[in-house]
């Protein structure tokens, strides 16, 4: 079976989107697992916007105290939920994500 270069890039693009969404879902699951649960607000605050051919996937948590729990404070050690998510991503992608 032969394909044109346009067909090749369309197939490659679709595979890339599928892989990115799978990778990000796994990262969110790891972040949820690493999130301490008191009221459940932080866990419920995760939002994953899936990638499509025009947009990359994005993970959000807009709970106002997310950064304090993730990064820690003077009185509380960091939980590093973001790091738990990044640890699920293959190492060659991790460096790109940490530096962007």
PDB file of N, CA and C in Angstrom:
ATOM      1  N   UNK A   1       0.842  -1.176   0.000  1.00  0.00           N
ATOM      2  CA  UNK A   1       0.000   0.000   0.000  1.00  0.00           C
ATOM      3  C   UNK A   1       0.889   1.242   0.000  1.00  0.00           C
ATOM      4  N   UNK A   2       0.640   2.129  -0.925  1.00  0.00           N
ATOM      5  CA  UNK A   2       1.420   3.368  -0.955  1.00  0.00           C
ATOM      6  C   UNK A   2       0.527   4.525  -0.490  1.00  0.00           C
ATOM      7  N   UNK A   3       1.185   5.480   0.139  1.00  0.00           N
ATOM      8  CA  UNK A   3       0.468   6.669   0.615  1.00  0.00           C
ATOM      9  C   UNK A   3       1.201   7.912   0.147  1.00  0.00           C
ATOM     10  N   UNK A   4       0.458   8.968   0.014  1.00  0.00           N
ATOM     11  CA  UNK A   4       1.079  10.237  -0.346  1.00  0.00           C
ATOM     12  C   UNK A   4       1.720  10.833   0.901  1.00  0.00           C
ATOM     13  N   UNK A   5       2.546  11.820   0.710  1.00  0.00           N
ATOM     14  CA  UNK A   5       3.190  12.482   1.851  1.00  0.00           C
ATOM     15  C   UNK A   5       2.137  13.148   2.738  1.00  0.00           C
ATOM     16  N   UNK A   6       1.088  13.707   2.143  1.00  0.00           N
ATOM     17  CA  UNK A   6       0.016  14.319   2.935  1.00  0.00           C
ATOM     18  C   UNK A   6      -0.709  13.271   3.771  1.00  0.00           C
ATOM     19  N   UNK A   7      -0.967  12.106   3.175  1.00  0.00           N
ATOM     20  CA  UNK A   7      -1.612  11.029   3.922  1.00  0.00           C
ATOM     21  C   UNK A   7      -0.715  10.546   5.056  1.00  0.00           C
ATOM     22  N   UNK A   8       0.578  10.450   4.777  1.00  0.00           N
ATOM     23  CA  UNK A   8       1.538  10.031   5.801  1.00  0.00           C
ATOM     24  C   UNK A   8       1.499  10.974   6.995  1.00  0.00           C
ATOM     25  N   UNK A   9       1.547  12.287   6.738  1.00  0.00           N
ATOM     26  CA  UNK A   9       1.541  13.260   7.829  1.00  0.00           C
ATOM     27  C   UNK A   9       0.197  13.276   8.562  1.00  0.00           C
ATOM     28  N   UNK A  10      -0.885  13.007   7.856  1.00  0.00           N
ATOM     29  CA  UNK A  10      -2.192  12.915   8.509  1.00  0.00           C
ATOM     30  C   UNK A  10      -2.226  11.712   9.459  1.00  0.00           C
ATOM     31  N   UNK A  11      -1.724  10.577   9.007  1.00  0.00           N
ATOM     32  CA  UNK A  11      -1.661   9.373   9.848  1.00  0.00           C
ATOM     33  C   UNK A  11      -0.736   9.603  11.038  1.00  0.00           C
ATOM     34  N   UNK A  12       0.426  10.187  10.787  1.00  0.00           N
ATOM     35  CA  UNK A  12       1.377  10.487  11.856  1.00  0.00           C
ATOM     36  C   UNK A  12       0.773  11.456  12.862  1.00  0.00           C
ATOM     37  N   UNK A  13       0.102  12.475  12.392  1.00  0.00           N
ATOM     38  CA  UNK A  13      -0.534  13.446  13.283  1.00  0.00           C
ATOM     39  C   UNK A  13      -1.589  12.799  14.159  1.00  0.00           C
ATOM     40  N   UNK A  14      -2.414  11.933  13.584  1.00  0.00           N
ATOM     41  CA  UNK A  14      -3.455  11.246  14.357  1.00  0.00           C
ATOM     42  C   UNK A  14      -2.835  10.341  15.412  1.00  0.00           C
ATOM     43  N   UNK A  15      -1.761   9.651  15.055  1.00  0.00           N
ATOM     44  CA  UNK A  15      -1.083   8.771  16.018  1.00  0.00           C
ATOM     45  C   UNK A  15      -0.449   9.581  17.143  1.00  0.00           C
ATOM     46  N   UNK A  16       0.092  10.734  16.814  1.00  0.00           N
ATOM     47  CA  UNK A  16       0.704  11.596  17.821  1.00  0.00           C
ATOM     48  C   UNK A  16      -0.340  12.115  18.805  1.00  0.00           C
ATOM     49  N   UNK A  17      -1.488  12.533  18.301  1.00  0.00           N
ATOM     50  CA  UNK A  17      -2.574  13.011  19.162  1.00  0.00           C
ATOM     51  C   UNK A  17      -3.041  11.886  20.077  1.00  0.00           C
ATOM     52  N   UNK A  18      -3.222  10.708  19.528  1.00  0.00           N
ATOM     53  CA  UNK A  18      -3.673   9.555  20.324  1.00  0.00           C
ATOM     54  C   UNK A  18      -2.658   9.238  21.427  1.00  0.00           C
ATOM     55  N   UNK A  19      -1.376   9.232  21.085  1.00  0.00           N
ATOM     56  CA  UNK A  19      -0.326   8.936  22.071  1.00  0.00           C
ATOM     57  C   UNK A  19      -0.264  10.022  23.150  1.00  0.00           C
ATOM     58  N   UNK A  20      -0.385  11.276  22.746  1.00  0.00           N
ATOM     59  CA  UNK A  20      -0.337  12.376  23.707  1.00  0.00           C
ATOM     60  C   UNK A  20      -1.504  12.285  24.688  1.00  0.00           C
ATOM     61  N   UNK A  21      -2.694  12.000  24.191  1.00  0.00           N
ATOM     62  CA  UNK A  21      -3.857  11.893  25.073  1.00  0.00           C
ATOM     63  C   UNK A  21      -3.714  10.725  26.041  1.00  0.00           C
ATOM     64  N   UNK A  22      -3.197   9.615  25.553  1.00  0.00           N
ATOM     65  CA  UNK A  22      -2.982   8.452  26.425  1.00  0.00           C
ATOM     66  C   UNK A  22      -1.963   8.783  27.511  1.00  0.00           C
ATOM     67  N   UNK A  23      -0.874   9.448  27.120  1.00  0.00           N
ATOM     68  CA  UNK A  23       0.185   9.815  28.053  1.00  0.00           C
ATOM     69  C   UNK A  23      -0.340  10.795  29.109  1.00  0.00           C
ATOM     70  N   UNK A  24      -1.131  11.757  28.692  1.00  0.00           N
ATOM     71  CA  UNK A  24      -1.653  12.763  29.624  1.00  0.00           C
ATOM     72  C   UNK A  24      -2.697  12.178  30.572  1.00  0.00           C
ATOM     73  N   UNK A  25      -3.497  11.230  30.099  1.00  0.00           N
ATOM     74  CA  UNK A  25      -4.458  10.568  30.984  1.00  0.00           C
ATOM     75  C   UNK A  25      -3.722   9.806  32.088  1.00  0.00           C
ATOM     76  N   UNK A  26      -2.633   9.155  31.710  1.00  0.00           N
ATOM     77  CA  UNK A  26      -1.825   8.426  32.690  1.00  0.00           C
ATOM     78  C   UNK A  26      -1.197   9.400  33.691  1.00  0.00           C
ATOM     79  N   UNK A  27      -0.752  10.551  33.205  1.00  0.00           N
ATOM     80  CA  UNK A  27      -0.163  11.568  34.091  1.00  0.00           C
ATOM     81  C   UNK A  27      -1.199  12.092  35.083  1.00  0.00           C
ATOM     82  N   UNK A  28      -2.416  12.354  34.617  1.00  0.00           N
ATOM     83  CA  UNK A  28      -3.472  12.839  35.514  1.00  0.00           C
ATOM     84  C   UNK A  28      -3.797  11.779  36.563  1.00  0.00           C
ATOM     85  N   UNK A  29      -3.864  10.520  36.162  1.00  0.00           N
ATOM     86  CA  UNK A  29      -4.127   9.448  37.135  1.00  0.00           C
ATOM     87  C   UNK A  29      -3.059   9.425  38.222  1.00  0.00           C
ATOM     88  N   UNK A  30      -1.795   9.589  37.831  1.00  0.00           N
ATOM     89  CA  UNK A  30      -0.702   9.609  38.808  1.00  0.00           C
ATOM     90  C   UNK A  30      -0.799  10.833  39.711  1.00  0.00           C
ATOM     91  N   UNK A  31      -1.184  11.963  39.160  1.00  0.00           N
ATOM     92  CA  UNK A  31      -1.341  13.178  39.954  1.00  0.00           C
ATOM     93  C   UNK A  31      -2.468  13.013  40.967  1.00  0.00           C
ATOM     94  N   UNK A  32      -3.557  12.407  40.534  1.00  0.00           N
ATOM     95  CA  UNK A  32      -4.678  12.156  41.442  1.00  0.00           C
ATOM     96  C   UNK A  32      -4.251  11.212  42.559  1.00  0.00           C
ATOM     97  N   UNK A  33      -3.519  10.163  42.208  1.00  0.00           N
ATOM     98  CA  UNK A  33      -3.037   9.212  43.225  1.00  0.00           C
ATOM     99  C   UNK A  33      -2.121   9.889  44.244  1.00  0.00           C
ATOM    100  N   UNK A  34      -1.347  10.884  43.805  1.00  0.00           N
ATOM    101  CA  UNK A  34      -0.408  11.575  44.696  1.00  0.00           C
ATOM    102  C   UNK A  34      -1.051  12.716  45.479  1.00  0.00           C
ATOM    103  N   UNK A  35      -2.288  13.040  45.157  1.00  0.00           N
ATOM    104  CA  UNK A  35      -2.973  14.163  45.789  1.00  0.00           C
ATOM    105  C   UNK A  35      -3.582  13.730  47.119  1.00  0.00           C
ATOM    106  N   UNK A  36      -3.231  14.436  48.205  1.00  0.00           N
ATOM    107  CA  UNK A  36      -3.841  14.107  49.495  1.00  0.00           C
ATOM    108  C   UNK A  36      -5.334  14.429  49.463  1.00  0.00           C
ATOM    109  N   UNK A  37      -6.115  13.557  50.097  1.00  0.00           N
ATOM    110  CA  UNK A  37      -7.561  13.758  50.090  1.00  0.00           C
ATOM    111  C   UNK A  37      -8.038  14.068  51.501  1.00  0.00           C
ATOM    112  N   UNK A  38      -8.533  15.268  51.674  1.00  0.00           N
ATOM    113  CA  UNK A  38      -9.192  15.657  52.923  1.00  0.00           C
ATOM    114  C   UNK A  38     -10.672  15.856  52.611  1.00  0.00           C
ATOM    115  N   UNK A  39     -10.955  16.789  51.685  1.00  0.00           N
ATOM    116  CA  UNK A  39     -12.344  17.030  51.287  1.00  0.00           C
ATOM    117  C   UNK A  39     -12.632  16.506  49.887  1.00  0.00           C
ATOM    118  N   UNK A  40     -11.588  16.225  49.106  1.00  0.00           N
ATOM    119  CA  UNK A  40     -11.758  15.777  47.731  1.00  0.00           C
ATOM    120  C   UNK A  40     -11.728  16.907  46.716  1.00  0.00           C
ATOM    121  N   UNK A  41     -11.632  18.145  47.193  1.00  0.00           N
ATOM    122  CA  UNK A  41     -11.664  19.304  46.303  1.00  0.00           C
ATOM    123  C   UNK A  41     -10.483  19.299  45.327  1.00  0.00           C
ATOM    124  N   UNK A  42      -9.290  19.005  45.817  1.00  0.00           N
ATOM    125  CA  UNK A  42      -8.126  18.985  44.925  1.00  0.00           C
ATOM    126  C   UNK A  42      -8.251  17.909  43.858  1.00  0.00           C
ATOM    127  N   UNK A  43      -8.691  16.735  44.244  1.00  0.00           N
ATOM    128  CA  UNK A  43      -8.854  15.635  43.284  1.00  0.00           C
ATOM    129  C   UNK A  43      -9.898  16.001  42.231  1.00  0.00           C
ATOM    130  N   UNK A  44     -10.982  16.591  42.672  1.00  0.00           N
ATOM    131  CA  UNK A  44     -12.045  16.981  41.744  1.00  0.00           C
ATOM    132  C   UNK A  44     -11.649  18.168  40.877  1.00  0.00           C
ATOM    133  N   UNK A  45     -10.592  18.882  41.263  1.00  0.00           N
ATOM    134  CA  UNK A  45     -10.163  20.063  40.532  1.00  0.00           C
ATOM    135  C   UNK A  45      -9.366  19.792  39.274  1.00  0.00           C
ATOM    136  N   UNK A  46      -8.921  18.564  39.058  1.00  0.00           N
ATOM    137  CA  UNK A  46      -8.141  18.265  37.854  1.00  0.00           C
ATOM    138  C   UNK A  46      -9.027  18.306  36.626  1.00  0.00           C
ATOM    139  N   UNK A  47      -8.499  18.930  35.591  1.00  0.00           N
ATOM    140  CA  UNK A  47      -9.206  18.985  34.322  1.00  0.00           C
ATOM    141  C   UNK A  47      -8.202  18.678  33.217  1.00  0.00           C
ATOM    142  N   UNK A  48      -8.548  17.752  32.352  1.00  0.00           N
ATOM    143  CA  UNK A  48      -7.701  17.385  31.223  1.00  0.00           C
ATOM    144  C   UNK A  48      -8.412  17.794  29.942  1.00  0.00           C
ATOM    145  N   UNK A  49      -7.781  18.674  29.198  1.00  0.00           N
ATOM    146  CA  UNK A  49      -8.274  19.023  27.871  1.00  0.00           C
ATOM    147  C   UNK A  49      -7.493  18.171  26.880  1.00  0.00           C
ATOM    148  N   UNK A  50      -8.179  17.286  26.203  1.00  0.00           N
ATOM    149  CA  UNK A  50      -7.520  16.364  25.285  1.00  0.00           C
ATOM    150  C   UNK A  50      -6.997  17.089  24.050  1.00  0.00           C
ATOM    151  N   UNK A  51      -5.949  16.534  23.493  1.00  0.00           N
ATOM    152  CA  UNK A  51      -5.357  17.081  22.275  1.00  0.00           C
ATOM    153  C   UNK A  51      -6.245  16.751  21.082  1.00  0.00           C
ATOM    154  N   UNK A  52      -6.127  17.591  20.082  1.00  0.00           N
ATOM    155  CA  UNK A  52      -6.691  17.281  18.777  1.00  0.00           C
ATOM    156  C   UNK A  52      -5.649  17.711  17.746  1.00  0.00           C
ATOM    157  N   UNK A  53      -5.986  17.674  16.477  1.00  0.00           N
ATOM    158  CA  UNK A  53      -4.953  17.966  15.477  1.00  0.00           C
ATOM    159  C   UNK A  53      -4.469  19.417  15.521  1.00  0.00           C
ATOM    160  N   UNK A  54      -5.211  20.298  16.198  1.00  0.00           N
ATOM    161  CA  UNK A  54      -4.814  21.704  16.265  1.00  0.00           C
ATOM    162  C   UNK A  54      -4.285  22.148  17.628  1.00  0.00           C
ATOM    163  N   UNK A  55      -4.478  21.332  18.667  1.00  0.00           N
ATOM    164  CA  UNK A  55      -4.126  21.746  20.025  1.00  0.00           C
ATOM    165  C   UNK A  55      -3.477  20.603  20.795  1.00  0.00           C
ATOM    166  N   UNK A  56      -2.517  20.948  21.652  1.00  0.00           N
ATOM    167  CA  UNK A  56      -1.915  19.973  22.552  1.00  0.00           C
ATOM    168  C   UNK A  56      -2.842  19.733  23.734  1.00  0.00           C
ATOM    169  N   UNK A  57      -2.655  18.609  24.412  1.00  0.00           N
ATOM    170  CA  UNK A  57      -3.409  18.333  25.634  1.00  0.00           C
ATOM    171  C   UNK A  57      -2.906  19.244  26.742  1.00  0.00           C
ATOM    172  N   UNK A  58      -3.798  19.579  27.670  1.00  0.00           N
ATOM    173  CA  UNK A  58      -3.428  20.431  28.803  1.00  0.00           C
ATOM    174  C   UNK A  58      -4.086  19.898  30.070  1.00  0.00           C
ATOM    175  N   UNK A  59      -3.370  20.018  31.174  1.00  0.00           N
ATOM    176  CA  UNK A  59      -3.891  19.623  32.484  1.00  0.00           C
ATOM    177  C   UNK A  59      -4.005  20.881  33.336  1.00  0.00           C
ATOM    178  N   UNK A  60      -5.140  21.042  34.001  1.00  0.00           N
ATOM    179  CA  UNK A  60      -5.372  22.183  34.880  1.00  0.00           C
ATOM    180  C   UNK A  60      -5.823  21.696  36.247  1.00  0.00           C
ATOM    181  N   UNK A  61      -5.534  22.488  37.255  1.00  0.00           N
ATOM    182  CA  UNK A  61      -6.173  22.360  38.561  1.00  0.00           C
ATOM    183  C   UNK A  61      -6.224  23.777  39.114  1.00  0.00           C
ATOM    184  N   UNK A  62      -7.398  24.376  39.056  1.00  0.00           N
ATOM    185  CA  UNK A  62      -7.564  25.772  39.441  1.00  0.00           C
ATOM    186  C   UNK A  62      -7.964  25.960  40.899  1.00  0.00           C
ATOM    187  N   UNK A  63      -7.876  24.895  41.707  1.00  0.00           N
ATOM    188  CA  UNK A  63      -8.178  25.048  43.133  1.00  0.00           C
ATOM    189  C   UNK A  63      -7.157  26.019  43.707  1.00  0.00           C
ATOM    190  N   UNK A  64      -7.649  27.022  44.438  1.00  0.00           N
ATOM    191  CA  UNK A  64      -6.794  28.145  44.854  1.00  0.00           C
ATOM    192  C   UNK A  64      -5.591  27.740  45.693  1.00  0.00           C
ATOM    193  N   UNK A  65      -5.650  26.624  46.408  1.00  0.00           N
ATOM    194  CA  UNK A  65      -4.532  26.229  47.261  1.00  0.00           C
ATOM    195  C   UNK A  65      -3.706  25.081  46.669  1.00  0.00           C
ATOM    196  N   UNK A  66      -3.937  24.764  45.395  1.00  0.00           N
ATOM    197  CA  UNK A  66      -3.196  23.683  44.745  1.00  0.00           C
ATOM    198  C   UNK A  66      -1.685  23.900  44.856  1.00  0.00           C
ATOM    199  N   UNK A  67      -1.212  25.104  44.532  1.00  0.00           N
ATOM    200  CA  UNK A  67       0.230  25.380  44.550  1.00  0.00           C
ATOM    201  C   UNK A  67       0.836  25.185  45.939  1.00  0.00           C
ATOM    202  N   UNK A  68       0.092  25.547  46.990  1.00  0.00           N
ATOM    203  CA  UNK A  68       0.606  25.371  48.349  1.00  0.00           C
ATOM    204  C   UNK A  68       0.793  23.892  48.683  1.00  0.00           C
ATOM    205  N   UNK A  69      -0.168  23.068  48.277  1.00  0.00           N
ATOM    206  CA  UNK A  69      -0.074  21.629  48.556  1.00  0.00           C
ATOM    207  C   UNK A  69       1.010  21.007  47.676  1.00  0.00           C
ATOM    208  N   UNK A  70       1.050  21.369  46.405  1.00  0.00           N
ATOM    209  CA  UNK A  70       2.037  20.802  45.493  1.00  0.00           C
ATOM    210  C   UNK A  70       3.461  21.209  45.878  1.00  0.00           C
ATOM    211  N   UNK A  71       3.682  22.486  46.167  1.00  0.00           N
ATOM    212  CA  UNK A  71       5.030  23.005  46.415  1.00  0.00           C
ATOM    213  C   UNK A  71       5.422  23.025  47.887  1.00  0.00           C
ATOM    214  N   UNK A  72       4.448  22.882  48.784  1.00  0.00           N
ATOM    215  CA  UNK A  72       4.722  22.926  50.212  1.00  0.00           C
ATOM    216  C   UNK A  72       4.765  24.353  50.732  1.00  0.00           C
ATOM    217  N   UNK A  73       4.817  24.459  52.040  1.00  0.00           N
ATOM    218  CA  UNK A  73       4.918  25.748  52.718  1.00  0.00           C
ATOM    219  C   UNK A  73       5.932  25.597  53.844  1.00  0.00           C
ATOM    220  N   UNK A  74       6.107  26.624  54.618  1.00  0.00           N
ATOM    221  CA  UNK A  74       7.005  26.554  55.771  1.00  0.00           C
ATOM    222  C   UNK A  74       6.544  25.473  56.746  1.00  0.00           C
ATOM    223  N   UNK A  75       5.228  25.281  56.833  1.00  0.00           N
ATOM    224  CA  UNK A  75       4.678  24.334  57.803  1.00  0.00           C
ATOM    225  C   UNK A  75       4.273  22.985  57.212  1.00  0.00           C
ATOM    226  N   UNK A  76       4.386  22.834  55.882  1.00  0.00           N
ATOM    227  CA  UNK A  76       3.915  21.614  55.243  1.00  0.00           C
ATOM    228  C   UNK A  76       4.874  21.210  54.118  1.00  0.00           C
ATOM    229  N   UNK A  77       5.289  19.960  54.087  1.00  0.00           N
ATOM    230  CA  UNK A  77       6.189  19.525  53.015  1.00  0.00           C
ATOM    231  C   UNK A  77       5.446  19.472  51.672  1.00  0.00           C
ATOM    232  N   UNK A  78       6.186  19.589  50.567  1.00  0.00           N
ATOM    233  CA  UNK A  78       5.548  19.502  49.254  1.00  0.00           C
ATOM    234  C   UNK A  78       5.037  18.093  48.975  1.00  0.00           C
ATOM    235  N   UNK A  79       3.931  18.016  48.261  1.00  0.00           N
ATOM    236  CA  UNK A  79       3.371  16.723  47.839  1.00  0.00           C
ATOM    237  C   UNK A  79       3.769  16.394  46.403  1.00  0.00           C
ATOM    238  N   UNK A  80       4.199  17.369  45.639  1.00  0.00           N
ATOM    239  CA  UNK A  80       4.706  17.222  44.269  1.00  0.00           C
ATOM    240  C   UNK A  80       3.807  16.359  43.386  1.00  0.00           C
ATOM    241  N   UNK A  81       2.541  16.720  43.319  1.00  0.00           N
ATOM    242  CA  UNK A  81       1.618  16.003  42.443  1.00  0.00           C
ATOM    243  C   UNK A  81       2.015  16.161  40.975  1.00  0.00           C
ATOM    244  N   UNK A  82       2.514  17.354  40.624  1.00  0.00           N
ATOM    245  CA  UNK A  82       2.945  17.571  39.242  1.00  0.00           C
ATOM    246  C   UNK A  82       4.110  16.646  38.910  1.00  0.00           C
ATOM    247  N   UNK A  83       5.065  16.525  39.833  1.00  0.00           N
ATOM    248  CA  UNK A  83       6.194  15.609  39.617  1.00  0.00           C
ATOM    249  C   UNK A  83       5.744  14.171  39.450  1.00  0.00           C
ATOM    250  N   UNK A  84       4.736  13.760  40.208  1.00  0.00           N
ATOM    251  CA  UNK A  84       4.206  12.399  40.071  1.00  0.00           C
ATOM    252  C   UNK A  84       3.644  12.180  38.675  1.00  0.00           C
ATOM    253  N   UNK A  85       2.994  13.194  38.141  1.00  0.00           N
ATOM    254  CA  UNK A  85       2.478  13.088  36.781  1.00  0.00           C
ATOM    255  C   UNK A  85       3.584  13.041  35.753  1.00  0.00           C
ATOM    256  N   UNK A  86       4.592  13.907  35.918  1.00  0.00           N
ATOM    257  CA  UNK A  86       5.718  13.919  34.974  1.00  0.00           C
ATOM    258  C   UNK A  86       6.507  12.618  35.008  1.00  0.00           C
ATOM    259  N   UNK A  87       6.562  11.974  36.181  1.00  0.00           N
ATOM    260  CA  UNK A  87       7.303  10.719  36.289  1.00  0.00           C
ATOM    261  C   UNK A  87       6.713   9.602  35.440  1.00  0.00           C
ATOM    262  N   UNK A  88       5.449   9.742  35.014  1.00  0.00           N
ATOM    263  CA  UNK A  88       4.832   8.708  34.183  1.00  0.00           C
ATOM    264  C   UNK A  88       5.150   8.872  32.706  1.00  0.00           C
ATOM    265  N   UNK A  89       5.689  10.036  32.357  1.00  0.00           N
ATOM    266  CA  UNK A  89       5.972  10.340  30.960  1.00  0.00           C
ATOM    267  C   UNK A  89       7.378   9.852  30.621  1.00  0.00           C
ATOM    268  N   UNK A  90       7.537   9.226  29.470  1.00  0.00           N
ATOM    269  CA  UNK A  90       8.878   8.752  29.086  1.00  0.00           C
ATOM    270  C   UNK A  90       9.928   9.854  29.233  1.00  0.00           C
ATOM    271  N   UNK A  91      11.103   9.477  29.650  1.00  0.00           N
ATOM    272  CA  UNK A  91      12.136  10.436  30.033  1.00  0.00           C
ATOM    273  C   UNK A  91      12.504  11.431  28.939  1.00  0.00           C
ATOM    274  N   UNK A  92      12.437  11.060  27.689  1.00  0.00           N
ATOM    275  CA  UNK A  92      12.801  12.004  26.646  1.00  0.00           C
ATOM    276  C   UNK A  92      11.792  13.140  26.517  1.00  0.00           C
ATOM    277  N   UNK A  93      10.549  12.911  26.906  1.00  0.00           N
ATOM    278  CA  UNK A  93       9.546  13.971  26.907  1.00  0.00           C
ATOM    279  C   UNK A  93       9.621  14.800  28.187  1.00  0.00           C
ATOM    280  N   UNK A  94      10.060  14.203  29.267  1.00  0.00           N
ATOM    281  CA  UNK A  94      10.067  14.886  30.561  1.00  0.00           C
ATOM    282  C   UNK A  94      10.932  16.144  30.525  1.00  0.00           C
ATOM    283  N   UNK A  95      12.105  16.070  29.952  1.00  0.00           N
ATOM    284  CA  UNK A  95      12.994  17.232  29.888  1.00  0.00           C
ATOM    285  C   UNK A  95      12.331  18.367  29.106  1.00  0.00           C
ATOM    286  N   UNK A  96      11.654  18.048  28.044  1.00  0.00           N
ATOM    287  CA  UNK A  96      10.971  19.072  27.259  1.00  0.00           C
ATOM    288  C   UNK A  96       9.883  19.725  28.094  1.00  0.00           C
ATOM    289  N   UNK A  97       9.083  18.921  28.797  1.00  0.00           N
ATOM    290  CA  UNK A  97       7.984  19.460  29.597  1.00  0.00           C
ATOM    291  C   UNK A  97       8.483  20.295  30.760  1.00  0.00           C
ATOM    292  N   UNK A  98       9.528  19.859  31.423  1.00  0.00           N
ATOM    293  CA  UNK A  98      10.041  20.616  32.567  1.00  0.00           C
ATOM    294  C   UNK A  98      10.643  21.950  32.145  1.00  0.00           C
ATOM    295  N   UNK A  99      11.110  22.053  30.917  1.00  0.00           N
ATOM    296  CA  UNK A  99      11.753  23.282  30.443  1.00  0.00           C
ATOM    297  C   UNK A  99      10.845  24.166  29.607  1.00  0.00           C
ATOM    298  N   UNK A 100       9.561  23.840  29.571  1.00  0.00           N
ATOM    299  CA  UNK A 100       8.662  24.674  28.744  1.00  0.00           C
ATOM    300  C   UNK A 100       7.717  25.471  29.614  1.00  0.00           C
TER     301      UNK A 100
END
